[in-house]
Amino acid sequence: MKILVVDDEQDVKILFEQRFRKEIKNNEIDFVFAFSGEEALVYLNENNHEAVLILSDINMPGMSGLDLLGKIKQKYNAPPPRVMMITAYGDKENYETAMKLGADDFLTKPVEFSLLKEKLKSIQ
C-alpha cells in the first residue's frame, strides 16, 4: 500500500520510517512524503492514483490541509484515495470542515501509531 504523508514538519519522515520499519521492510507499506499541499498535488498529478491513502496535516503554510483535501476530493475521484486528516488542534470546527470536504478519518497529534496501524489494517 502506498501512503502519501503531507506535513510541513520535516521530522515526520523520520518518525514514520521508524514507527513503520517492519512494514516498510516487508514491503507492506511504501511511504512517500510531501512537505506542502502544493508538493502533494504535484506528486498526485505525476503519479496518478498511486497513493491509496493520504495522511495530511491541516495546519501548513501556503495551502492548508483542508484546501488540499478539497482539491483531492474534487479531482481524484476514480478511485478516490482515502484521506485522513491529522492536526494538533482536535477542535470541532476543523473536524466538521474536514468531514464536509470528504475526509475519511481524523487523527490528532501526537499521532498514536498503534491506532494508526489498526486503521491501516482495515484498509488493506
N, C-alpha and C. Protein backbone atom coordinates (compact mmCIF):
# COMPACT_ATOMS: atom_id res chain seq x y z
N MET A 1 0.85 -1.18 0.00
CA MET A 1 0.00 0.00 0.00
C MET A 1 0.89 1.23 0.00
N LYS A 2 0.63 2.14 -0.93
CA LYS A 2 1.39 3.38 -0.98
C LYS A 2 0.63 4.46 -0.23
N ILE A 3 1.34 5.13 0.68
CA ILE A 3 0.74 6.18 1.51
C ILE A 3 1.52 7.47 1.30
N LEU A 4 0.80 8.52 0.97
CA LEU A 4 1.38 9.85 0.83
C LEU A 4 1.15 10.60 2.14
N VAL A 5 2.24 10.99 2.80
CA VAL A 5 2.16 11.76 4.04
C VAL A 5 2.48 13.21 3.72
N VAL A 6 1.57 14.12 4.06
CA VAL A 6 1.74 15.53 3.76
C VAL A 6 1.83 16.30 5.07
N ASP A 7 2.99 16.88 5.33
CA ASP A 7 3.21 17.63 6.58
C ASP A 7 4.39 18.55 6.38
N ASP A 8 4.28 19.79 6.86
CA ASP A 8 5.38 20.73 6.68
C ASP A 8 6.53 20.48 7.66
N GLU A 9 6.34 19.59 8.63
CA GLU A 9 7.40 19.23 9.57
C GLU A 9 8.28 18.14 8.96
N GLN A 10 9.54 18.47 8.68
CA GLN A 10 10.45 17.52 8.03
C GLN A 10 10.69 16.25 8.85
N ASP A 11 10.67 16.36 10.19
CA ASP A 11 10.98 15.20 11.04
C ASP A 11 9.88 14.14 11.04
N VAL A 12 8.72 14.45 10.44
CA VAL A 12 7.65 13.46 10.31
C VAL A 12 8.15 12.26 9.51
N LYS A 13 8.97 12.52 8.50
CA LYS A 13 9.50 11.44 7.65
C LYS A 13 10.27 10.43 8.50
N ILE A 14 11.17 10.91 9.35
CA ILE A 14 11.98 10.04 10.20
C ILE A 14 11.07 9.27 11.16
N LEU A 15 10.10 9.96 11.74
CA LEU A 15 9.18 9.35 12.70
C LEU A 15 8.40 8.20 12.06
N PHE A 16 7.82 8.44 10.88
CA PHE A 16 7.05 7.39 10.21
C PHE A 16 7.96 6.23 9.80
N GLU A 17 9.16 6.53 9.32
CA GLU A 17 10.07 5.46 8.90
C GLU A 17 10.51 4.61 10.09
N GLN A 18 10.63 5.22 11.27
CA GLN A 18 10.99 4.46 12.47
C GLN A 18 9.81 3.60 12.94
N ARG A 19 8.62 4.20 13.00
CA ARG A 19 7.45 3.52 13.55
C ARG A 19 6.92 2.41 12.64
N PHE A 20 7.23 2.50 11.34
CA PHE A 20 6.75 1.51 10.38
C PHE A 20 7.91 0.73 9.76
N ARG A 21 9.02 0.64 10.49
CA ARG A 21 10.22 -0.02 9.97
C ARG A 21 9.91 -1.43 9.45
N LYS A 22 9.20 -2.22 10.26
CA LYS A 22 8.89 -3.61 9.91
C LYS A 22 8.01 -3.67 8.66
N GLU A 23 6.97 -2.85 8.61
CA GLU A 23 6.04 -2.85 7.48
C GLU A 23 6.73 -2.40 6.19
N ILE A 24 7.65 -1.45 6.30
CA ILE A 24 8.40 -0.98 5.13
C ILE A 24 9.34 -2.09 4.65
N LYS A 25 10.03 -2.71 5.60
CA LYS A 25 10.98 -3.79 5.26
C LYS A 25 10.27 -4.96 4.58
N ASN A 26 9.05 -5.26 5.03
CA ASN A 26 8.28 -6.37 4.47
C ASN A 26 7.48 -5.98 3.22
N ASN A 27 7.73 -4.76 2.72
CA ASN A 27 7.03 -4.24 1.53
C ASN A 27 5.51 -4.22 1.69
N GLU A 28 5.05 -4.03 2.92
CA GLU A 28 3.61 -3.92 3.17
C GLU A 28 3.14 -2.48 2.93
N ILE A 29 4.01 -1.53 3.28
CA ILE A 29 3.68 -0.12 3.15
C ILE A 29 4.86 0.60 2.50
N ASP A 30 4.52 1.49 1.58
CA ASP A 30 5.51 2.33 0.92
C ASP A 30 5.10 3.77 1.17
N PHE A 31 5.93 4.51 1.89
CA PHE A 31 5.61 5.90 2.20
C PHE A 31 6.26 6.84 1.19
N VAL A 32 5.51 7.88 0.83
CA VAL A 32 6.02 8.98 0.04
C VAL A 32 5.70 10.22 0.87
N PHE A 33 6.62 11.18 0.88
CA PHE A 33 6.43 12.37 1.72
C PHE A 33 6.39 13.64 0.88
N ALA A 34 5.45 14.51 1.21
CA ALA A 34 5.37 15.84 0.60
C ALA A 34 5.34 16.81 1.77
N PHE A 35 6.08 17.90 1.65
CA PHE A 35 6.20 18.84 2.77
C PHE A 35 5.36 20.10 2.60
N SER A 36 4.40 20.04 1.65
CA SER A 36 3.43 21.12 1.48
C SER A 36 2.26 20.58 0.68
N GLY A 37 1.14 21.28 0.75
CA GLY A 37 -0.02 20.88 -0.05
C GLY A 37 0.29 20.96 -1.54
N GLU A 38 1.03 22.00 -1.92
CA GLU A 38 1.39 22.17 -3.32
C GLU A 38 2.24 21.00 -3.81
N GLU A 39 3.21 20.58 -2.99
CA GLU A 39 4.08 19.46 -3.34
C GLU A 39 3.27 18.16 -3.46
N ALA A 40 2.27 18.01 -2.61
CA ALA A 40 1.41 16.82 -2.67
C ALA A 40 0.63 16.77 -3.98
N LEU A 41 0.11 17.92 -4.42
CA LEU A 41 -0.63 17.95 -5.68
C LEU A 41 0.27 17.63 -6.87
N VAL A 42 1.50 18.12 -6.84
CA VAL A 42 2.46 17.80 -7.91
C VAL A 42 2.68 16.29 -7.94
N TYR A 43 2.90 15.69 -6.77
CA TYR A 43 3.10 14.24 -6.71
C TYR A 43 1.88 13.50 -7.27
N LEU A 44 0.68 13.90 -6.85
CA LEU A 44 -0.53 13.22 -7.31
C LEU A 44 -0.73 13.38 -8.81
N ASN A 45 -0.38 14.54 -9.35
CA ASN A 45 -0.51 14.75 -10.80
C ASN A 45 0.47 13.88 -11.58
N GLU A 46 1.66 13.69 -11.03
CA GLU A 46 2.69 12.91 -11.73
C GLU A 46 2.55 11.41 -11.51
N ASN A 47 1.86 11.02 -10.45
CA ASN A 47 1.73 9.60 -10.09
C ASN A 47 0.26 9.27 -9.87
N ASN A 48 -0.50 9.39 -10.93
CA ASN A 48 -1.95 9.28 -10.85
C ASN A 48 -2.41 8.01 -10.14
N HIS A 49 -3.12 8.19 -9.04
CA HIS A 49 -3.76 7.11 -8.29
C HIS A 49 -2.79 6.09 -7.69
N GLU A 50 -1.53 6.44 -7.56
CA GLU A 50 -0.61 5.52 -6.89
C GLU A 50 -0.87 5.48 -5.40
N ALA A 51 -1.16 6.62 -4.82
CA ALA A 51 -1.38 6.68 -3.37
C ALA A 51 -2.78 6.17 -3.04
N VAL A 52 -2.84 5.13 -2.23
CA VAL A 52 -4.11 4.56 -1.80
C VAL A 52 -4.67 5.38 -0.64
N LEU A 53 -3.76 5.93 0.15
CA LEU A 53 -4.14 6.69 1.33
C LEU A 53 -3.28 7.94 1.42
N ILE A 54 -3.90 9.03 1.81
CA ILE A 54 -3.18 10.28 2.02
C ILE A 54 -3.39 10.68 3.48
N LEU A 55 -2.30 10.89 4.20
CA LEU A 55 -2.34 11.40 5.57
C LEU A 55 -1.88 12.84 5.50
N SER A 56 -2.74 13.78 5.81
CA SER A 56 -2.38 15.19 5.66
C SER A 56 -2.57 15.97 6.94
N ASP A 57 -1.55 16.76 7.25
CA ASP A 57 -1.64 17.73 8.33
C ASP A 57 -2.63 18.80 7.88
N ILE A 58 -3.30 19.45 8.82
CA ILE A 58 -4.22 20.53 8.45
C ILE A 58 -3.49 21.87 8.41
N ASN A 59 -2.72 22.17 9.45
CA ASN A 59 -2.09 23.48 9.55
C ASN A 59 -0.71 23.48 8.91
N MET A 60 -0.65 24.02 7.68
CA MET A 60 0.61 24.13 6.95
C MET A 60 0.66 25.52 6.31
N PRO A 61 1.86 26.07 6.15
CA PRO A 61 1.96 27.35 5.44
C PRO A 61 1.57 27.16 3.98
N GLY A 62 1.08 28.22 3.35
CA GLY A 62 0.63 28.10 1.96
C GLY A 62 -0.71 27.40 1.94
N MET A 63 -0.80 26.34 1.17
CA MET A 63 -2.06 25.59 1.06
C MET A 63 -2.27 24.76 2.32
N SER A 64 -3.40 24.98 2.99
CA SER A 64 -3.69 24.20 4.20
C SER A 64 -4.10 22.78 3.81
N GLY A 65 -4.10 21.90 4.78
CA GLY A 65 -4.54 20.54 4.55
C GLY A 65 -6.00 20.47 4.13
N LEU A 66 -6.81 21.40 4.64
CA LEU A 66 -8.23 21.42 4.26
C LEU A 66 -8.39 21.84 2.80
N ASP A 67 -7.57 22.82 2.35
CA ASP A 67 -7.59 23.21 0.94
C ASP A 67 -7.17 22.03 0.06
N LEU A 68 -6.11 21.34 0.50
CA LEU A 68 -5.61 20.18 -0.23
C LEU A 68 -6.70 19.10 -0.31
N LEU A 69 -7.36 18.84 0.80
CA LEU A 69 -8.42 17.84 0.85
C LEU A 69 -9.51 18.16 -0.17
N GLY A 70 -9.94 19.42 -0.22
CA GLY A 70 -10.97 19.84 -1.17
C GLY A 70 -10.54 19.57 -2.61
N LYS A 71 -9.29 19.90 -2.93
CA LYS A 71 -8.78 19.69 -4.30
C LYS A 71 -8.69 18.20 -4.63
N ILE A 72 -8.23 17.39 -3.67
CA ILE A 72 -8.11 15.95 -3.90
C ILE A 72 -9.48 15.34 -4.16
N LYS A 73 -10.44 15.67 -3.34
CA LYS A 73 -11.77 15.06 -3.46
C LYS A 73 -12.49 15.53 -4.74
N GLN A 74 -12.17 16.72 -5.24
CA GLN A 74 -12.77 17.20 -6.49
C GLN A 74 -12.15 16.52 -7.71
N LYS A 75 -10.82 16.40 -7.69
CA LYS A 75 -10.11 15.96 -8.89
C LYS A 75 -9.89 14.45 -8.97
N TYR A 76 -9.55 13.83 -7.87
CA TYR A 76 -9.18 12.41 -7.90
C TYR A 76 -10.35 11.56 -7.43
N ASN A 77 -11.27 11.30 -8.36
CA ASN A 77 -12.50 10.65 -7.92
C ASN A 77 -12.69 9.24 -8.47
N ALA A 78 -11.74 8.73 -9.23
CA ALA A 78 -11.91 7.38 -9.78
C ALA A 78 -10.61 6.60 -9.78
N PRO A 79 -10.31 5.81 -8.80
CA PRO A 79 -10.97 5.70 -7.50
C PRO A 79 -10.45 6.79 -6.57
N PRO A 80 -11.28 7.27 -5.67
CA PRO A 80 -10.80 8.33 -4.78
C PRO A 80 -9.84 7.77 -3.73
N PRO A 81 -8.73 8.45 -3.51
CA PRO A 81 -7.86 7.99 -2.42
C PRO A 81 -8.54 8.29 -1.09
N ARG A 82 -8.26 7.46 -0.10
CA ARG A 82 -8.74 7.73 1.25
C ARG A 82 -7.86 8.83 1.84
N VAL A 83 -8.46 9.78 2.51
CA VAL A 83 -7.71 10.89 3.09
C VAL A 83 -7.99 10.96 4.59
N MET A 84 -6.92 10.85 5.38
CA MET A 84 -7.01 11.03 6.83
C MET A 84 -6.35 12.36 7.16
N MET A 85 -7.05 13.19 7.88
CA MET A 85 -6.52 14.48 8.29
C MET A 85 -5.86 14.33 9.67
N ILE A 86 -4.74 15.03 9.85
CA ILE A 86 -4.02 14.99 11.13
C ILE A 86 -3.83 16.43 11.59
N THR A 87 -4.15 16.69 12.85
CA THR A 87 -3.98 18.05 13.35
C THR A 87 -3.60 18.04 14.83
N ALA A 88 -2.87 19.07 15.20
CA ALA A 88 -2.53 19.25 16.61
C ALA A 88 -3.72 19.86 17.34
N TYR A 89 -4.66 20.36 16.56
CA TYR A 89 -5.83 21.01 17.14
C TYR A 89 -7.05 20.16 16.84
N GLY A 90 -7.47 19.36 17.80
CA GLY A 90 -8.62 18.49 17.58
C GLY A 90 -9.92 19.21 17.80
N ASP A 91 -9.99 20.45 17.31
CA ASP A 91 -11.19 21.24 17.57
C ASP A 91 -12.34 20.85 16.64
N LYS A 92 -13.53 21.14 17.11
CA LYS A 92 -14.75 20.75 16.42
C LYS A 92 -14.85 21.38 15.04
N GLU A 93 -14.43 22.63 14.91
CA GLU A 93 -14.54 23.35 13.64
C GLU A 93 -13.71 22.68 12.54
N ASN A 94 -12.44 22.37 12.85
CA ASN A 94 -11.59 21.68 11.87
C ASN A 94 -12.16 20.31 11.53
N TYR A 95 -12.63 19.60 12.53
CA TYR A 95 -13.20 18.27 12.32
C TYR A 95 -14.41 18.35 11.38
N GLU A 96 -15.32 19.25 11.68
CA GLU A 96 -16.54 19.38 10.88
C GLU A 96 -16.22 19.81 9.45
N THR A 97 -15.28 20.75 9.29
CA THR A 97 -14.90 21.20 7.95
C THR A 97 -14.28 20.05 7.17
N ALA A 98 -13.39 19.29 7.81
CA ALA A 98 -12.73 18.16 7.14
C ALA A 98 -13.75 17.12 6.70
N MET A 99 -14.72 16.84 7.55
CA MET A 99 -15.73 15.84 7.21
C MET A 99 -16.62 16.33 6.07
N LYS A 100 -16.98 17.62 6.07
CA LYS A 100 -17.79 18.17 4.99
C LYS A 100 -17.05 18.09 3.66
N LEU A 101 -15.73 18.26 3.69
CA LEU A 101 -14.92 18.22 2.47
C LEU A 101 -14.65 16.79 2.01
N GLY A 102 -15.04 15.81 2.80
CA GLY A 102 -14.90 14.43 2.37
C GLY A 102 -13.78 13.64 3.02
N ALA A 103 -13.25 14.12 4.16
CA ALA A 103 -12.20 13.36 4.86
C ALA A 103 -12.76 12.00 5.27
N ASP A 104 -11.91 10.99 5.18
CA ASP A 104 -12.32 9.64 5.56
C ASP A 104 -12.07 9.35 7.03
N ASP A 105 -11.17 10.13 7.64
CA ASP A 105 -10.85 9.92 9.05
C ASP A 105 -10.14 11.16 9.56
N PHE A 106 -9.98 11.25 10.88
CA PHE A 106 -9.42 12.43 11.51
C PHE A 106 -8.59 11.99 12.72
N LEU A 107 -7.32 12.34 12.74
CA LEU A 107 -6.43 11.98 13.85
C LEU A 107 -5.86 13.24 14.48
N THR A 108 -5.53 13.16 15.76
CA THR A 108 -4.90 14.31 16.42
C THR A 108 -3.45 13.99 16.73
N LYS A 109 -2.63 15.05 16.76
CA LYS A 109 -1.21 14.91 17.11
C LYS A 109 -1.09 15.02 18.61
N PRO A 110 -0.14 14.37 19.23
CA PRO A 110 0.78 13.43 18.59
C PRO A 110 0.04 12.17 18.15
N VAL A 111 0.40 11.69 16.96
CA VAL A 111 -0.27 10.53 16.37
C VAL A 111 -0.02 9.30 17.24
N GLU A 112 -1.09 8.59 17.56
CA GLU A 112 -0.96 7.31 18.25
C GLU A 112 -0.73 6.26 17.16
N PHE A 113 0.52 5.81 17.03
CA PHE A 113 0.86 4.93 15.92
C PHE A 113 0.19 3.56 16.02
N SER A 114 -0.09 3.09 17.23
CA SER A 114 -0.80 1.81 17.35
C SER A 114 -2.22 1.94 16.77
N LEU A 115 -2.87 3.07 17.03
CA LEU A 115 -4.21 3.33 16.48
C LEU A 115 -4.14 3.46 14.96
N LEU A 116 -3.14 4.20 14.47
CA LEU A 116 -2.98 4.37 13.04
C LEU A 116 -2.75 3.03 12.34
N LYS A 117 -1.92 2.18 12.94
CA LYS A 117 -1.66 0.86 12.35
C LYS A 117 -2.94 0.03 12.26
N GLU A 118 -3.78 0.10 13.29
CA GLU A 118 -5.06 -0.61 13.27
C GLU A 118 -5.95 -0.09 12.13
N LYS A 119 -5.99 1.21 11.98
CA LYS A 119 -6.80 1.82 10.92
C LYS A 119 -6.28 1.38 9.55
N LEU A 120 -4.97 1.31 9.40
CA LEU A 120 -4.37 0.92 8.11
C LEU A 120 -4.68 -0.54 7.77
N LYS A 121 -4.72 -1.38 8.80
CA LYS A 121 -5.05 -2.81 8.57
C LYS A 121 -6.45 -2.95 8.00
N SER A 122 -7.36 -2.10 8.42
CA SER A 122 -8.75 -2.20 7.94
C SER A 122 -8.88 -1.75 6.48
N ILE A 123 -7.89 -1.00 5.99
CA ILE A 123 -7.92 -0.50 4.61
C ILE A 123 -7.35 -1.53 3.64
N GLN A 124 -6.34 -2.24 4.07
CA GLN A 124 -5.62 -3.16 3.16
C GLN A 124 -6.50 -4.24 2.59
